[in-house]
Amino acid sequence: MPNDAWKICWGPIPGLLLPQYTWHVLQSENVTTIDQLQSIADQIEKIVPGIGPKSGDVIRAELARLLTESPAAGRSRLM
């Protein structure tokens, strides 16, 4: 039976697609904005309990995708 915790989905930070479990952890740690997430992304595995190296890589890749997709469009979706 598949585990929905790792299902990729939209979450409370617009424009980002992350596993459901990752969204849960971020919310429990009160990481609710793109700016908060960007400020800790480089060391998120060390700062946020429940986020390991793989989840950290997924978060950083998704942030990079969002910002390189179209920096102006990405920023407008986030505001």
C-alpha atoms as a PDB file:
ATOM      1  CA  MET A   1       0.000   0.000   0.000  1.00  0.00           C
ATOM      2  CA  PRO A   2       1.464   3.406  -0.975  1.00  0.00           C
ATOM      3  CA  ASN A   3       2.410   5.870   1.725  1.00  0.00           C
ATOM      4  CA  ASP A   4       0.698   9.224   1.097  1.00  0.00           C
ATOM      5  CA  ALA A   5       3.195  11.010   3.363  1.00  0.00           C
ATOM      6  CA  TRP A   6       5.653  11.122   0.458  1.00  0.00           C
ATOM      7  CA  LYS A   7       3.081  12.183  -2.134  1.00  0.00           C
ATOM      8  CA  ILE A   8       4.215  15.401  -3.843  1.00  0.00           C
ATOM      9  CA  CYS A   9       1.673  18.191  -3.442  1.00  0.00           C
ATOM     10  CA  TRP A  10       1.132  21.926  -3.295  1.00  0.00           C
ATOM     11  CA  GLY A  11       1.333  23.367   0.178  1.00  0.00           C
ATOM     12  CA  PRO A  12       0.906  26.615   2.054  1.00  0.00           C
ATOM     13  CA  ILE A  13       3.923  28.278   0.406  1.00  0.00           C
ATOM     14  CA  PRO A  14       2.712  29.166  -3.106  1.00  0.00           C
ATOM     15  CA  GLY A  15       4.593  27.746  -6.057  1.00  0.00           C
ATOM     16  CA  LEU A  16       6.379  24.907  -4.245  1.00  0.00           C
ATOM     17  CA  LEU A  17       5.697  21.211  -4.746  1.00  0.00           C
ATOM     18  CA  LEU A  18       6.997  19.154  -1.823  1.00  0.00           C
ATOM     19  CA  PRO A  19       6.187  15.825  -0.200  1.00  0.00           C
ATOM     20  CA  GLN A  20       3.212  15.970   2.137  1.00  0.00           C
ATOM     21  CA  TYR A  21       5.404  14.913   5.069  1.00  0.00           C
ATOM     22  CA  THR A  22       7.815  17.784   4.370  1.00  0.00           C
ATOM     23  CA  TRP A  23       4.951  20.278   4.427  1.00  0.00           C
ATOM     24  CA  HIS A  24       3.821  18.833   7.759  1.00  0.00           C
ATOM     25  CA  VAL A  25       7.298  19.221   9.269  1.00  0.00           C
ATOM     26  CA  LEU A  26       7.702  22.773   7.953  1.00  0.00           C
ATOM     27  CA  GLN A  27       4.323  23.784   9.358  1.00  0.00           C
ATOM     28  CA  SER A  28       5.099  22.234  12.746  1.00  0.00           C
ATOM     29  CA  GLU A  29       8.317  24.294  12.825  1.00  0.00           C
ATOM     30  CA  ASN A  30       6.424  27.464  11.798  1.00  0.00           C
ATOM     31  CA  VAL A  31       8.218  27.799   8.458  1.00  0.00           C
ATOM     32  CA  THR A  32       5.408  29.477   6.557  1.00  0.00           C
ATOM     33  CA  THR A  33       7.008  31.801   4.000  1.00  0.00           C
ATOM     34  CA  ILE A  34       9.359  31.453   1.063  1.00  0.00           C
ATOM     35  CA  ASP A  35      11.761  33.889   2.732  1.00  0.00           C
ATOM     36  CA  GLN A  36      11.917  31.774   5.894  1.00  0.00           C
ATOM     37  CA  LEU A  37      12.520  28.637   3.861  1.00  0.00           C
ATOM     38  CA  GLN A  38      15.211  30.257   1.704  1.00  0.00           C
ATOM     39  CA  SER A  39      17.017  31.588   4.759  1.00  0.00           C
ATOM     40  CA  ILE A  40      17.442  28.088   6.240  1.00  0.00           C
ATOM     41  CA  ALA A  41      17.568  25.983   3.068  1.00  0.00           C
ATOM     42  CA  ASP A  42      21.348  25.542   3.018  1.00  0.00           C
ATOM     43  CA  GLN A  43      21.374  23.875   6.432  1.00  0.00           C
ATOM     44  CA  ILE A  44      17.768  22.790   6.864  1.00  0.00           C
ATOM     45  CA  GLU A  45      18.763  19.219   7.792  1.00  0.00           C
ATOM     46  CA  LYS A  46      20.650  20.558  10.815  1.00  0.00           C
ATOM     47  CA  ILE A  47      18.045  23.125  11.836  1.00  0.00           C
ATOM     48  CA  VAL A  48      14.676  21.411  11.377  1.00  0.00           C
ATOM     49  CA  PRO A  49      14.050  18.092  13.153  1.00  0.00           C
ATOM     50  CA  GLY A  50      12.450  15.608  10.775  1.00  0.00           C
ATOM     51  CA  ILE A  51      14.150  16.949   7.653  1.00  0.00           C
ATOM     52  CA  GLY A  52      16.977  14.725   6.479  1.00  0.00           C
ATOM     53  CA  PRO A  53      19.471  15.039   3.631  1.00  0.00           C
ATOM     54  CA  LYS A  54      17.064  13.738   0.964  1.00  0.00           C
ATOM     55  CA  SER A  55      14.264  16.092   2.005  1.00  0.00           C
ATOM     56  CA  GLY A  56      16.773  18.934   2.196  1.00  0.00           C
ATOM     57  CA  ASP A  57      17.875  18.199  -1.362  1.00  0.00           C
ATOM     58  CA  VAL A  58      14.245  18.137  -2.527  1.00  0.00           C
ATOM     59  CA  ILE A  59      13.558  21.487  -0.846  1.00  0.00           C
ATOM     60  CA  ARG A  60      16.658  23.126  -2.354  1.00  0.00           C
ATOM     61  CA  ALA A  61      15.887  21.735  -5.811  1.00  0.00           C
ATOM     62  CA  GLU A  62      12.315  22.978  -5.623  1.00  0.00           C
ATOM     63  CA  LEU A  63      13.427  26.445  -4.498  1.00  0.00           C
ATOM     64  CA  ALA A  64      15.923  26.546  -7.375  1.00  0.00           C
ATOM     65  CA  ARG A  65      13.255  25.423  -9.852  1.00  0.00           C
ATOM     66  CA  LEU A  66      10.866  28.086  -8.689  1.00  0.00           C
ATOM     67  CA  LEU A  67      13.419  30.874  -8.873  1.00  0.00           C
ATOM     68  CA  THR A  68      14.960  29.850 -12.201  1.00  0.00           C
ATOM     69  CA  GLU A  69      11.646  29.014 -13.847  1.00  0.00           C
ATOM     70  CA  SER A  70      10.901  32.706 -14.072  1.00  0.00           C
ATOM     71  CA  PRO A  71      12.298  34.902 -11.311  1.00  0.00           C
ATOM     72  CA  ALA A  72       9.765  37.693 -11.848  1.00  0.00           C
ATOM     73  CA  ALA A  73       6.807  35.341 -12.214  1.00  0.00           C
ATOM     74  CA  GLY A  74       7.973  33.217  -9.303  1.00  0.00           C
ATOM     75  CA  ARG A  75       8.217  36.225  -7.027  1.00  0.00           C
ATOM     76  CA  SER A  76       4.770  37.510  -8.015  1.00  0.00           C
ATOM     77  CA  ARG A  77       3.215  34.126  -7.205  1.00  0.00           C
ATOM     78  CA  LEU A  78       4.820  34.228  -3.792  1.00  0.00           C
ATOM     79  CA  MET A  79       3.389  37.567  -2.767  1.00  0.00           C
END
